[in-house]
Amino acid sequence: MNATVKKILVVGGNGFIGSAVCRTALSKGIEVTSVRWVRLCFLGMLNNTNSPNVPCTSSSGRPYRTPKGHSPSWTAKVNWQKGDALNPKSFAHLLPEVGGVVHTLGTLLEDGAYKQAVRNGDLPGLLKSLIGIGKDSNPLRSGIVAEGTQITYETMNRDSAIRVCEEFVKSSPSAGDAPNKPRPFVYISAEDIFQPVIPARYIETKREAERRIEEMMSVNPDYRGVYIRPTIHRKVPRTLPTPSNLLRSLGASTASSSESGSSSPLESIANALTLPPIHVDQVAAAIVATLDSSNDVQGIVGVHRMRELIGWRSDGESPEIELGRI
């Protein structure tokens, strides 16, 4: 049981990292509410269909489902709510009840078909998404949008996080989570390892979000920003190379790595080659550890810091992540 943080809000709990965070938090005795972004079920990913641009029409949030369409038993313990991350007033009433917020929305490519390709182990589909970079590959530019909103790096990676954080710092915590101060806003960012395969705007919008959130924290001492920067998240079909795996095949003549700031394409390749991958369950365990304000974590959390938070041994032995009986 986590004695400090009792309840959290996960924005995007239906997604890859978001679902892992929900599951891990529940195993620690933390109550979890998840808000599902509902302006558009982008390319069927949020409602697990293969039909592109299917609107979300349910009156409440829909639980996470596996690629095969199953809802694991733990999903029954999550309070699934519908909301709009670009209009967080739609779920502002939930914010005073929680001891922390985890924002997991984001996109690696504006052509969101890559998510379905990774989920299904579809190598041709992934390559098609990658080849389309630099062209007008965003299917939403054809005019099939919801409420006039296009899915771009700016809306998904930056604006949604900033708007949710703005609403969060306006809220006053209820008595139940008063001990968890300063209240954390955990933003899932990324290490700069994807250039030149992925456009620079991907990492630039992530860094813009970090800076704006940190500006808000500097004038709100009862809150703290945590910026999770994972590398590649292991837990994808072994036969399917991810964009960072493709980068590794390019090679590089440099071997320097960095856990802060943006970099040139060459430095990005070097980061991809030198920074270790991390399993999505380990990322989730580290995120849950940062939520507890008694751990005094704020600012950038790179892979090495994540390993420290989950008890990674100095000999490189990976700890077993105990998810408990949920």
C-alpha atoms as a PDB file:
ATOM      1  CA  MET A   1       0.000   0.000   0.000  1.00  0.00           C
ATOM      2  CA  ASN A   2       1.288   3.451  -0.912  1.00  0.00           C
ATOM      3  CA  ALA A   3       0.835   5.558   2.228  1.00  0.00           C
ATOM      4  CA  THR A   4       1.382   8.969   0.638  1.00  0.00           C
ATOM      5  CA  VAL A   5      -0.382   9.108  -2.731  1.00  0.00           C
ATOM      6  CA  LYS A   6      -3.795   7.503  -2.578  1.00  0.00           C
ATOM      7  CA  LYS A   7      -5.375   8.375  -5.922  1.00  0.00           C
ATOM      8  CA  ILE A   8      -4.085   9.449  -9.330  1.00  0.00           C
ATOM      9  CA  LEU A   9      -5.442  10.552 -12.690  1.00  0.00           C
ATOM     10  CA  VAL A  10      -3.940   9.006 -15.831  1.00  0.00           C
ATOM     11  CA  VAL A  11      -4.624  10.906 -19.045  1.00  0.00           C
ATOM     12  CA  GLY A  12      -4.549   8.279 -21.762  1.00  0.00           C
ATOM     13  CA  GLY A  13      -4.854   5.106 -19.681  1.00  0.00           C
ATOM     14  CA  ASN A  14      -5.945   3.146 -22.753  1.00  0.00           C
ATOM     15  CA  GLY A  15      -2.530   3.520 -24.364  1.00  0.00           C
ATOM     16  CA  PHE A  16       0.713   1.564 -24.247  1.00  0.00           C
ATOM     17  CA  ILE A  17       2.407   3.341 -21.329  1.00  0.00           C
ATOM     18  CA  GLY A  18      -0.846   4.592 -19.799  1.00  0.00           C
ATOM     19  CA  SER A  19      -2.267   1.103 -19.341  1.00  0.00           C
ATOM     20  CA  ALA A  20       0.986  -0.059 -17.742  1.00  0.00           C
ATOM     21  CA  VAL A  21       0.853   2.890 -15.323  1.00  0.00           C
ATOM     22  CA  CYS A  22      -2.741   2.071 -14.382  1.00  0.00           C
ATOM     23  CA  ARG A  23      -1.911  -1.569 -13.751  1.00  0.00           C
ATOM     24  CA  THR A  24       1.217  -0.809 -11.721  1.00  0.00           C
ATOM     25  CA  ALA A  25      -0.469   1.867  -9.584  1.00  0.00           C
ATOM     26  CA  LEU A  26      -3.325  -0.488  -8.750  1.00  0.00           C
ATOM     27  CA  SER A  27      -0.816  -3.109  -7.615  1.00  0.00           C
ATOM     28  CA  LYS A  28       0.559  -0.538  -5.150  1.00  0.00           C
ATOM     29  CA  GLY A  29      -2.861   0.118  -3.633  1.00  0.00           C
ATOM     30  CA  ILE A  30      -3.389   3.422  -5.442  1.00  0.00           C
ATOM     31  CA  GLU A  31      -6.842   4.288  -6.756  1.00  0.00           C
ATOM     32  CA  VAL A  32      -6.752   5.091 -10.453  1.00  0.00           C
ATOM     33  CA  THR A  33      -9.027   7.260 -12.591  1.00  0.00           C
ATOM     34  CA  SER A  34      -8.277   7.365 -16.294  1.00  0.00           C
ATOM     35  CA  VAL A  35      -9.418   9.971 -18.799  1.00  0.00           C
ATOM     36  CA  ARG A  36      -9.680   8.863 -22.388  1.00  0.00           C
ATOM     37  CA  TRP A  37      -9.115  11.493 -25.077  1.00  0.00           C
ATOM     38  CA  VAL A  38     -12.320  11.534 -27.093  1.00  0.00           C
ATOM     39  CA  ARG A  39     -12.068  14.162 -29.840  1.00  0.00           C
ATOM     40  CA  LEU A  40     -11.137  11.389 -32.210  1.00  0.00           C
ATOM     41  CA  CYS A  41     -10.327   7.714 -31.828  1.00  0.00           C
ATOM     42  CA  PHE A  42      -7.270   8.311 -33.944  1.00  0.00           C
ATOM     43  CA  LEU A  43      -7.092   5.683 -36.683  1.00  0.00           C
ATOM     44  CA  GLY A  44      -9.088   3.279 -34.546  1.00  0.00           C
ATOM     45  CA  MET A  45      -6.291   3.001 -31.983  1.00  0.00           C
ATOM     46  CA  LEU A  46      -8.261   4.160 -28.961  1.00  0.00           C
ATOM     47  CA  ASN A  47     -11.188   1.855 -29.584  1.00  0.00           C
ATOM     48  CA  ASN A  48      -9.139  -1.014 -30.999  1.00  0.00           C
ATOM     49  CA  THR A  49     -10.711  -1.077 -34.443  1.00  0.00           C
ATOM     50  CA  ASN A  50      -9.038  -1.193 -37.829  1.00  0.00           C
ATOM     51  CA  SER A  51     -11.220   1.564 -39.228  1.00  0.00           C
ATOM     52  CA  PRO A  52      -9.525   4.947 -39.548  1.00  0.00           C
ATOM     53  CA  ASN A  53     -10.888   8.051 -37.869  1.00  0.00           C
ATOM     54  CA  VAL A  54     -13.700   6.352 -35.970  1.00  0.00           C
ATOM     55  CA  PRO A  55     -15.369   8.892 -33.638  1.00  0.00           C
ATOM     56  CA  CYS A  56     -15.684   8.020 -29.969  1.00  0.00           C
ATOM     57  CA  THR A  57     -19.387   8.001 -29.224  1.00  0.00           C
ATOM     58  CA  SER A  58     -19.601   6.254 -25.849  1.00  0.00           C
ATOM     59  CA  SER A  59     -21.013   8.294 -22.987  1.00  0.00           C
ATOM     60  CA  SER A  60     -18.199   7.266 -20.656  1.00  0.00           C
ATOM     61  CA  GLY A  61     -14.583   6.167 -20.896  1.00  0.00           C
ATOM     62  CA  ARG A  62     -13.983   2.733 -22.322  1.00  0.00           C
ATOM     63  CA  PRO A  63     -11.605   0.347 -20.492  1.00  0.00           C
ATOM     64  CA  TYR A  64      -8.289  -0.646 -21.961  1.00  0.00           C
ATOM     65  CA  ARG A  65      -8.338  -3.633 -24.295  1.00  0.00           C
ATOM     66  CA  THR A  66      -5.534  -5.846 -25.522  1.00  0.00           C
ATOM     67  CA  PRO A  67      -4.757  -6.054 -29.269  1.00  0.00           C
ATOM     68  CA  LYS A  68      -7.044  -9.110 -29.363  1.00  0.00           C
ATOM     69  CA  GLY A  69      -9.917  -7.099 -27.918  1.00  0.00           C
ATOM     70  CA  HIS A  70      -9.868  -8.447 -24.352  1.00  0.00           C
ATOM     71  CA  SER A  71     -10.162  -6.327 -21.199  1.00  0.00           C
ATOM     72  CA  PRO A  72      -7.833  -7.689 -18.470  1.00  0.00           C
ATOM     73  CA  SER A  73      -9.294  -8.168 -15.007  1.00  0.00           C
ATOM     74  CA  TRP A  74      -7.460  -5.143 -13.594  1.00  0.00           C
ATOM     75  CA  THR A  75      -9.400  -2.780 -15.859  1.00  0.00           C
ATOM     76  CA  ALA A  76     -12.498  -3.307 -13.705  1.00  0.00           C
ATOM     77  CA  LYS A  77     -10.689  -1.534 -10.856  1.00  0.00           C
ATOM     78  CA  VAL A  78     -10.040   1.657 -12.864  1.00  0.00           C
ATOM     79  CA  ASN A  79     -12.550   4.486 -12.905  1.00  0.00           C
ATOM     80  CA  TRP A  80     -12.737   5.113 -16.669  1.00  0.00           C
ATOM     81  CA  GLN A  81     -13.919   8.598 -17.577  1.00  0.00           C
ATOM     82  CA  LYS A  82     -14.430  10.408 -20.861  1.00  0.00           C
ATOM     83  CA  GLY A  83     -12.748  13.764 -21.328  1.00  0.00           C
ATOM     84  CA  ASP A  84     -10.988  16.062 -23.765  1.00  0.00           C
ATOM     85  CA  ALA A  85      -7.341  16.769 -23.040  1.00  0.00           C
ATOM     86  CA  LEU A  86      -7.528  19.920 -25.162  1.00  0.00           C
ATOM     87  CA  ASN A  87     -10.478  21.057 -23.053  1.00  0.00           C
ATOM     88  CA  PRO A  88      -9.587  19.785 -19.574  1.00  0.00           C
ATOM     89  CA  LYS A  89     -12.496  21.619 -17.987  1.00  0.00           C
ATOM     90  CA  SER A  90     -14.440  18.580 -19.214  1.00  0.00           C
ATOM     91  CA  PHE A  91     -12.861  16.607 -16.364  1.00  0.00           C
ATOM     92  CA  ALA A  92     -11.694  19.396 -14.025  1.00  0.00           C
ATOM     93  CA  HIS A  93     -14.024  18.090 -11.291  1.00  0.00           C
ATOM     94  CA  LEU A  94     -11.754  15.042 -10.962  1.00  0.00           C
ATOM     95  CA  LEU A  95      -8.557  16.982 -10.257  1.00  0.00           C
ATOM     96  CA  PRO A  96      -9.108  17.988  -6.595  1.00  0.00           C
ATOM     97  CA  GLU A  97      -9.559  14.297  -5.749  1.00  0.00           C
ATOM     98  CA  VAL A  98      -6.143  13.126  -6.947  1.00  0.00           C
ATOM     99  CA  GLY A  99      -2.670  13.312  -5.505  1.00  0.00           C
ATOM    100  CA  GLY A 100      -1.012  13.424  -8.921  1.00  0.00           C
ATOM    101  CA  VAL A 101      -1.581  13.432 -12.673  1.00  0.00           C
ATOM    102  CA  VAL A 102       0.200  11.344 -15.307  1.00  0.00           C
ATOM    103  CA  HIS A 103      -0.070  12.595 -18.883  1.00  0.00           C
ATOM    104  CA  THR A 104       0.694   9.803 -21.377  1.00  0.00           C
ATOM    105  CA  LEU A 105      -0.761  11.148 -24.628  1.00  0.00           C
ATOM    106  CA  GLY A 106       1.614  11.564 -27.530  1.00  0.00           C
ATOM    107  CA  THR A 107       2.427  10.482 -31.043  1.00  0.00           C
ATOM    108  CA  LEU A 108       5.695   9.450 -32.665  1.00  0.00           C
ATOM    109  CA  LEU A 109       4.360  10.004 -36.187  1.00  0.00           C
ATOM    110  CA  GLU A 110       1.558  12.266 -37.324  1.00  0.00           C
ATOM    111  CA  ASP A 111       0.448   9.336 -39.461  1.00  0.00           C
ATOM    112  CA  GLY A 112      -0.934   7.393 -36.506  1.00  0.00           C
ATOM    113  CA  ALA A 113      -1.279   4.216 -38.557  1.00  0.00           C
ATOM    114  CA  TYR A 114       2.134   3.221 -37.191  1.00  0.00           C
ATOM    115  CA  LYS A 115       0.520   2.414 -33.841  1.00  0.00           C
ATOM    116  CA  GLN A 116      -1.793  -0.103 -35.395  1.00  0.00           C
ATOM    117  CA  ALA A 117       1.160  -1.547 -37.347  1.00  0.00           C
ATOM    118  CA  VAL A 118       3.213  -2.014 -34.174  1.00  0.00           C
ATOM    119  CA  ARG A 119       0.216  -3.464 -32.341  1.00  0.00           C
ATOM    120  CA  ASN A 120      -0.439  -5.983 -35.126  1.00  0.00           C
ATOM    121  CA  GLY A 121       3.191  -6.761 -35.961  1.00  0.00           C
ATOM    122  CA  ASP A 122       2.618  -5.319 -39.430  1.00  0.00           C
ATOM    123  CA  LEU A 123       6.082  -4.553 -40.825  1.00  0.00           C
ATOM    124  CA  PRO A 124       4.829  -3.342 -44.251  1.00  0.00           C
ATOM    125  CA  GLY A 125       2.404  -1.000 -42.489  1.00  0.00           C
ATOM    126  CA  LEU A 126       5.165   0.417 -40.284  1.00  0.00           C
ATOM    127  CA  LEU A 127       7.461   0.946 -43.246  1.00  0.00           C
ATOM    128  CA  LYS A 128       4.639   2.674 -45.119  1.00  0.00           C
ATOM    129  CA  SER A 129       4.225   5.116 -42.223  1.00  0.00           C
ATOM    130  CA  LEU A 130       7.965   5.772 -42.107  1.00  0.00           C
ATOM    131  CA  ILE A 131       8.286   6.226 -45.866  1.00  0.00           C
ATOM    132  CA  GLY A 132       5.431   8.718 -45.751  1.00  0.00           C
ATOM    133  CA  ILE A 133       7.411  11.064 -43.508  1.00  0.00           C
ATOM    134  CA  GLY A 134       8.042  14.360 -45.237  1.00  0.00           C
ATOM    135  CA  LYS A 135       4.995  13.981 -47.444  1.00  0.00           C
ATOM    136  CA  ASP A 136       1.453  14.979 -46.620  1.00  0.00           C
ATOM    137  CA  SER A 137       1.015  11.633 -44.870  1.00  0.00           C
ATOM    138  CA  ASN A 138      -1.345  12.813 -42.163  1.00  0.00           C
ATOM    139  CA  PRO A 139      -4.740  11.339 -43.114  1.00  0.00           C
ATOM    140  CA  LEU A 140      -6.490  13.968 -41.026  1.00  0.00           C
ATOM    141  CA  ARG A 141      -5.351  16.687 -43.431  1.00  0.00           C
ATOM    142  CA  SER A 142      -7.793  15.279 -45.930  1.00  0.00           C
ATOM    143  CA  GLY A 143     -10.525  16.908 -43.891  1.00  0.00           C
ATOM    144  CA  ILE A 144     -11.627  13.893 -41.842  1.00  0.00           C
ATOM    145  CA  VAL A 145     -11.332  15.520 -38.451  1.00  0.00           C
ATOM    146  CA  ALA A 146     -13.369  15.862 -35.303  1.00  0.00           C
ATOM    147  CA  GLU A 147     -14.316  19.285 -34.010  1.00  0.00           C
ATOM    148  CA  GLY A 148     -11.813  20.866 -36.386  1.00  0.00           C
ATOM    149  CA  THR A 149      -8.824  19.391 -34.576  1.00  0.00           C
ATOM    150  CA  GLN A 150      -5.908  17.866 -36.470  1.00  0.00           C
ATOM    151  CA  ILE A 151      -3.659  15.300 -34.842  1.00  0.00           C
ATOM    152  CA  THR A 152      -0.235  16.932 -34.968  1.00  0.00           C
ATOM    153  CA  TYR A 153       2.910  16.874 -32.866  1.00  0.00           C
ATOM    154  CA  GLU A 154       1.835  20.240 -31.480  1.00  0.00           C
ATOM    155  CA  THR A 155      -1.631  19.121 -30.343  1.00  0.00           C
ATOM    156  CA  MET A 156      -0.708  15.643 -29.097  1.00  0.00           C
ATOM    157  CA  ASN A 157       2.783  16.089 -27.649  1.00  0.00           C
ATOM    158  CA  ARG A 158       2.639  19.683 -26.441  1.00  0.00           C
ATOM    159  CA  ASP A 159      -0.734  21.420 -26.232  1.00  0.00           C
ATOM    160  CA  SER A 160      -2.694  18.612 -24.570  1.00  0.00           C
ATOM    161  CA  ALA A 161      -0.121  18.356 -21.763  1.00  0.00           C
ATOM    162  CA  ILE A 162       0.102  22.106 -21.219  1.00  0.00           C
ATOM    163  CA  ARG A 163      -3.659  22.530 -21.026  1.00  0.00           C
ATOM    164  CA  VAL A 164      -4.128  19.653 -18.591  1.00  0.00           C
ATOM    165  CA  CYS A 165      -1.314  21.000 -16.411  1.00  0.00           C
ATOM    166  CA  GLU A 166      -2.817  24.497 -16.431  1.00  0.00           C
ATOM    167  CA  GLU A 167      -6.082  23.079 -15.119  1.00  0.00           C
ATOM    168  CA  PHE A 168      -4.322  20.872 -12.583  1.00  0.00           C
ATOM    169  CA  VAL A 169      -2.431  23.724 -10.915  1.00  0.00           C
ATOM    170  CA  LYS A 170      -5.712  25.620 -10.555  1.00  0.00           C
ATOM    171  CA  SER A 171      -7.239  22.810  -8.507  1.00  0.00           C
ATOM    172  CA  SER A 172      -7.098  22.498  -4.744  1.00  0.00           C
ATOM    173  CA  PRO A 173      -6.434  19.036  -3.326  1.00  0.00           C
ATOM    174  CA  SER A 174      -9.064  17.401  -1.163  1.00  0.00           C
ATOM    175  CA  ALA A 175      -8.163  16.255   2.328  1.00  0.00           C
ATOM    176  CA  GLY A 176      -7.622  12.653   1.219  1.00  0.00           C
ATOM    177  CA  ASP A 177      -4.409  13.374  -0.684  1.00  0.00           C
ATOM    178  CA  ALA A 178      -3.257  16.444   1.223  1.00  0.00           C
ATOM    179  CA  PRO A 179      -0.088  14.663   2.491  1.00  0.00           C
ATOM    180  CA  ASN A 180       1.223  14.183  -1.071  1.00  0.00           C
ATOM    181  CA  LYS A 181       2.786  17.609  -1.505  1.00  0.00           C
ATOM    182  CA  PRO A 182       4.034  19.006  -3.737  1.00  0.00           C
ATOM    183  CA  ARG A 183       1.509  17.389  -6.081  1.00  0.00           C
ATOM    184  CA  PRO A 184       3.211  15.871  -9.135  1.00  0.00           C
ATOM    185  CA  PHE A 185       2.401  16.387 -12.790  1.00  0.00           C
ATOM    186  CA  VAL A 186       4.188  13.575 -14.594  1.00  0.00           C
ATOM    187  CA  TYR A 187       4.711  14.148 -18.314  1.00  0.00           C
ATOM    188  CA  ILE A 188       5.799  11.291 -20.560  1.00  0.00           C
ATOM    189  CA  SER A 189       8.481  12.850 -22.719  1.00  0.00           C
ATOM    190  CA  ALA A 190      11.238  10.976 -24.567  1.00  0.00           C
ATOM    191  CA  GLU A 191      14.961  10.762 -25.120  1.00  0.00           C
ATOM    192  CA  ASP A 192      16.197  12.229 -28.375  1.00  0.00           C
ATOM    193  CA  ILE A 193      16.946   8.974 -30.226  1.00  0.00           C
ATOM    194  CA  PHE A 194      14.695   9.072 -33.269  1.00  0.00           C
ATOM    195  CA  GLN A 195      16.310  11.560 -35.655  1.00  0.00           C
ATOM    196  CA  PRO A 196      16.667  11.549 -38.638  1.00  0.00           C
ATOM    197  CA  VAL A 197      14.042   8.828 -39.163  1.00  0.00           C
ATOM    198  CA  ILE A 198      11.478  10.795 -37.160  1.00  0.00           C
ATOM    199  CA  PRO A 199      11.015  14.560 -37.802  1.00  0.00           C
ATOM    200  CA  ALA A 200      12.730  16.903 -35.361  1.00  0.00           C
ATOM    201  CA  ARG A 201       9.345  18.388 -34.478  1.00  0.00           C
ATOM    202  CA  TYR A 202       8.594  15.230 -32.474  1.00  0.00           C
ATOM    203  CA  ILE A 203      11.279  15.923 -29.888  1.00  0.00           C
ATOM    204  CA  GLU A 204      10.997  19.708 -30.201  1.00  0.00           C
ATOM    205  CA  THR A 205       7.338  19.663 -29.145  1.00  0.00           C
ATOM    206  CA  LYS A 206       8.202  17.363 -26.247  1.00  0.00           C
ATOM    207  CA  ARG A 207      10.847  19.807 -25.038  1.00  0.00           C
ATOM    208  CA  GLU A 208       8.493  22.772 -25.497  1.00  0.00           C
ATOM    209  CA  ALA A 209       5.962  21.036 -23.268  1.00  0.00           C
ATOM    210  CA  GLU A 210       8.603  20.369 -20.613  1.00  0.00           C
ATOM    211  CA  ARG A 211       9.676  24.002 -20.554  1.00  0.00           C
ATOM    212  CA  ARG A 212       6.144  25.381 -20.325  1.00  0.00           C
ATOM    213  CA  ILE A 213       5.173  22.947 -17.573  1.00  0.00           C
ATOM    214  CA  GLU A 214       8.310  23.840 -15.626  1.00  0.00           C
ATOM    215  CA  GLU A 215       7.441  27.534 -15.927  1.00  0.00           C
ATOM    216  CA  MET A 216       4.068  26.788 -14.325  1.00  0.00           C
ATOM    217  CA  MET A 217       5.731  24.832 -11.528  1.00  0.00           C
ATOM    218  CA  SER A 218       8.136  27.666 -10.763  1.00  0.00           C
ATOM    219  CA  VAL A 219       5.221  29.865  -9.675  1.00  0.00           C
ATOM    220  CA  ASN A 220       3.205  27.088  -8.019  1.00  0.00           C
ATOM    221  CA  PRO A 221       5.345  25.687  -5.183  1.00  0.00           C
ATOM    222  CA  ASP A 222       2.662  23.191  -4.150  1.00  0.00           C
ATOM    223  CA  TYR A 223       3.211  21.376  -7.462  1.00  0.00           C
ATOM    224  CA  ARG A 224       6.197  19.724  -9.125  1.00  0.00           C
ATOM    225  CA  GLY A 225       6.931  18.644 -12.682  1.00  0.00           C
ATOM    226  CA  VAL A 226       8.401  15.258 -13.539  1.00  0.00           C
ATOM    227  CA  TYR A 227       9.552  14.615 -17.105  1.00  0.00           C
ATOM    228  CA  ILE A 228       9.960  10.945 -17.928  1.00  0.00           C
ATOM    229  CA  ARG A 229      12.366  10.387 -20.810  1.00  0.00           C
ATOM    230  CA  PRO A 230      12.362   6.722 -21.810  1.00  0.00           C
ATOM    231  CA  THR A 231      14.255   5.316 -24.751  1.00  0.00           C
ATOM    232  CA  ILE A 232      12.662   2.505 -26.706  1.00  0.00           C
ATOM    233  CA  HIS A 233       9.981   0.699 -24.691  1.00  0.00           C
ATOM    234  CA  ARG A 234      10.534  -3.006 -24.999  1.00  0.00           C
ATOM    235  CA  LYS A 235       7.361  -5.066 -25.342  1.00  0.00           C
ATOM    236  CA  VAL A 236       6.618  -5.128 -29.038  1.00  0.00           C
ATOM    237  CA  PRO A 237       6.586  -8.086 -31.445  1.00  0.00           C
ATOM    238  CA  ARG A 238      10.181  -9.277 -31.841  1.00  0.00           C
ATOM    239  CA  THR A 239       9.788  -9.573 -35.580  1.00  0.00           C
ATOM    240  CA  LEU A 240       8.829  -5.914 -35.929  1.00  0.00           C
ATOM    241  CA  PRO A 241      11.609  -3.292 -35.887  1.00  0.00           C
ATOM    242  CA  THR A 242      10.626  -0.062 -34.186  1.00  0.00           C
ATOM    243  CA  PRO A 243      11.864   3.335 -35.418  1.00  0.00           C
ATOM    244  CA  SER A 244      14.699   3.355 -32.871  1.00  0.00           C
ATOM    245  CA  ASN A 245      15.747  -0.147 -33.908  1.00  0.00           C
ATOM    246  CA  LEU A 246      15.948   1.131 -37.468  1.00  0.00           C
ATOM    247  CA  LEU A 247      18.140   3.963 -36.243  1.00  0.00           C
ATOM    248  CA  ARG A 248      20.486   1.530 -34.560  1.00  0.00           C
ATOM    249  CA  SER A 249      21.109  -0.090 -37.920  1.00  0.00           C
ATOM    250  CA  LEU A 250      22.393   3.204 -39.342  1.00  0.00           C
ATOM    251  CA  GLY A 251      25.456   3.226 -37.101  1.00  0.00           C
ATOM    252  CA  ALA A 252      27.399   6.239 -35.844  1.00  0.00           C
ATOM    253  CA  SER A 253      30.985   7.335 -35.310  1.00  0.00           C
ATOM    254  CA  THR A 254      30.288   9.048 -32.002  1.00  0.00           C
ATOM    255  CA  ALA A 255      29.505   7.465 -28.673  1.00  0.00           C
ATOM    256  CA  SER A 256      28.380  10.349 -26.490  1.00  0.00           C
ATOM    257  CA  SER A 257      24.972  10.301 -24.843  1.00  0.00           C
ATOM    258  CA  SER A 258      22.797  12.910 -23.217  1.00  0.00           C
ATOM    259  CA  GLU A 259      19.752  12.946 -21.001  1.00  0.00           C
ATOM    260  CA  SER A 260      18.956  16.614 -21.422  1.00  0.00           C
ATOM    261  CA  GLY A 261      18.166  18.939 -24.269  1.00  0.00           C
ATOM    262  CA  SER A 262      17.680  18.329 -27.957  1.00  0.00           C
ATOM    263  CA  SER A 263      20.473  17.347 -30.304  1.00  0.00           C
ATOM    264  CA  SER A 264      21.545  17.083 -33.911  1.00  0.00           C
ATOM    265  CA  PRO A 265      20.582  14.017 -35.978  1.00  0.00           C
ATOM    266  CA  LEU A 266      24.095  12.605 -35.464  1.00  0.00           C
ATOM    267  CA  GLU A 267      23.863  13.028 -31.706  1.00  0.00           C
ATOM    268  CA  SER A 268      20.378  11.519 -31.790  1.00  0.00           C
ATOM    269  CA  ILE A 269      21.751   8.431 -33.536  1.00  0.00           C
ATOM    270  CA  ALA A 270      24.529   8.217 -30.950  1.00  0.00           C
ATOM    271  CA  ASN A 271      21.920   8.359 -28.182  1.00  0.00           C
ATOM    272  CA  ALA A 272      19.989   5.550 -29.844  1.00  0.00           C
ATOM    273  CA  LEU A 273      23.135   3.447 -29.939  1.00  0.00           C
ATOM    274  CA  THR A 274      24.311   4.118 -26.392  1.00  0.00           C
ATOM    275  CA  LEU A 275      21.268   4.657 -24.191  1.00  0.00           C
ATOM    276  CA  PRO A 276      19.796   1.333 -23.082  1.00  0.00           C
ATOM    277  CA  PRO A 277      16.231   0.268 -23.828  1.00  0.00           C
ATOM    278  CA  ILE A 278      13.802  -0.142 -20.970  1.00  0.00           C
ATOM    279  CA  HIS A 279      10.764  -2.355 -20.574  1.00  0.00           C
ATOM    280  CA  VAL A 280       7.409  -0.600 -20.453  1.00  0.00           C
ATOM    281  CA  ASP A 281       6.645  -2.190 -17.063  1.00  0.00           C
ATOM    282  CA  GLN A 282       9.875  -0.723 -15.681  1.00  0.00           C
ATOM    283  CA  VAL A 283       8.936   2.693 -17.047  1.00  0.00           C
ATOM    284  CA  ALA A 284       5.559   2.378 -15.335  1.00  0.00           C
ATOM    285  CA  ALA A 285       7.144   1.310 -12.037  1.00  0.00           C
ATOM    286  CA  ALA A 286       9.452   4.334 -12.140  1.00  0.00           C
ATOM    287  CA  ILE A 287       6.522   6.643 -12.902  1.00  0.00           C
ATOM    288  CA  VAL A 288       4.588   5.326  -9.918  1.00  0.00           C
ATOM    289  CA  ALA A 289       7.664   5.841  -7.716  1.00  0.00           C
ATOM    290  CA  THR A 290       7.898   9.494  -8.794  1.00  0.00           C
ATOM    291  CA  LEU A 291       4.272  10.087  -7.825  1.00  0.00           C
ATOM    292  CA  ASP A 292       5.091   9.639  -4.140  1.00  0.00           C
ATOM    293  CA  SER A 293       6.269  13.066  -2.987  1.00  0.00           C
ATOM    294  CA  SER A 294       8.240  11.507  -0.138  1.00  0.00           C
ATOM    295  CA  ASN A 295      10.683  10.302  -2.826  1.00  0.00           C
ATOM    296  CA  ASP A 296      11.393  13.951  -3.713  1.00  0.00           C
ATOM    297  CA  VAL A 297      11.628  13.437  -7.473  1.00  0.00           C
ATOM    298  CA  GLN A 298      11.238  16.336  -9.861  1.00  0.00           C
ATOM    299  CA  GLY A 299      12.637  17.483 -13.172  1.00  0.00           C
ATOM    300  CA  ILE A 300      14.064  15.210 -15.868  1.00  0.00           C
ATOM    301  CA  VAL A 301      14.056  11.471 -15.227  1.00  0.00           C
ATOM    302  CA  GLY A 302      16.158   9.611 -17.792  1.00  0.00           C
ATOM    303  CA  VAL A 303      16.638   5.869 -18.130  1.00  0.00           C
ATOM    304  CA  HIS A 304      19.457   5.678 -15.580  1.00  0.00           C
ATOM    305  CA  ARG A 305      17.394   7.531 -12.974  1.00  0.00           C
ATOM    306  CA  MET A 306      14.415   5.280 -13.750  1.00  0.00           C
ATOM    307  CA  ARG A 307      16.608   2.269 -13.048  1.00  0.00           C
ATOM    308  CA  GLU A 308      17.629   3.753  -9.695  1.00  0.00           C
ATOM    309  CA  LEU A 309      14.011   4.389  -8.749  1.00  0.00           C
ATOM    310  CA  ILE A 310      13.013   0.765  -9.354  1.00  0.00           C
ATOM    311  CA  GLY A 311      16.061  -0.683  -7.607  1.00  0.00           C
ATOM    312  CA  TRP A 312      18.174  -1.661 -10.609  1.00  0.00           C
ATOM    313  CA  ARG A 313      21.264  -3.423  -9.314  1.00  0.00           C
ATOM    314  CA  SER A 314      24.746  -2.045  -9.963  1.00  0.00           C
ATOM    315  CA  ASP A 315      25.710  -5.272 -11.752  1.00  0.00           C
ATOM    316  CA  GLY A 316      23.035  -4.546 -14.348  1.00  0.00           C
ATOM    317  CA  GLU A 317      20.621  -7.187 -13.116  1.00  0.00           C
ATOM    318  CA  SER A 318      17.049  -6.161 -13.849  1.00  0.00           C
ATOM    319  CA  PRO A 319      14.700  -6.204 -10.839  1.00  0.00           C
ATOM    320  CA  GLU A 320      11.512  -8.172 -11.011  1.00  0.00           C
ATOM    321  CA  ILE A 321       8.559  -5.811 -11.210  1.00  0.00           C
ATOM    322  CA  GLU A 322       5.970  -7.166  -8.806  1.00  0.00           C
ATOM    323  CA  LEU A 323       2.535  -6.148  -9.983  1.00  0.00           C
ATOM    324  CA  GLY A 324       0.739  -7.963  -7.212  1.00  0.00           C
ATOM    325  CA  ARG A 325      -2.667  -9.595  -7.388  1.00  0.00           C
ATOM    326  CA  ILE A 326      -5.054  -7.137  -8.984  1.00  0.00           C
END
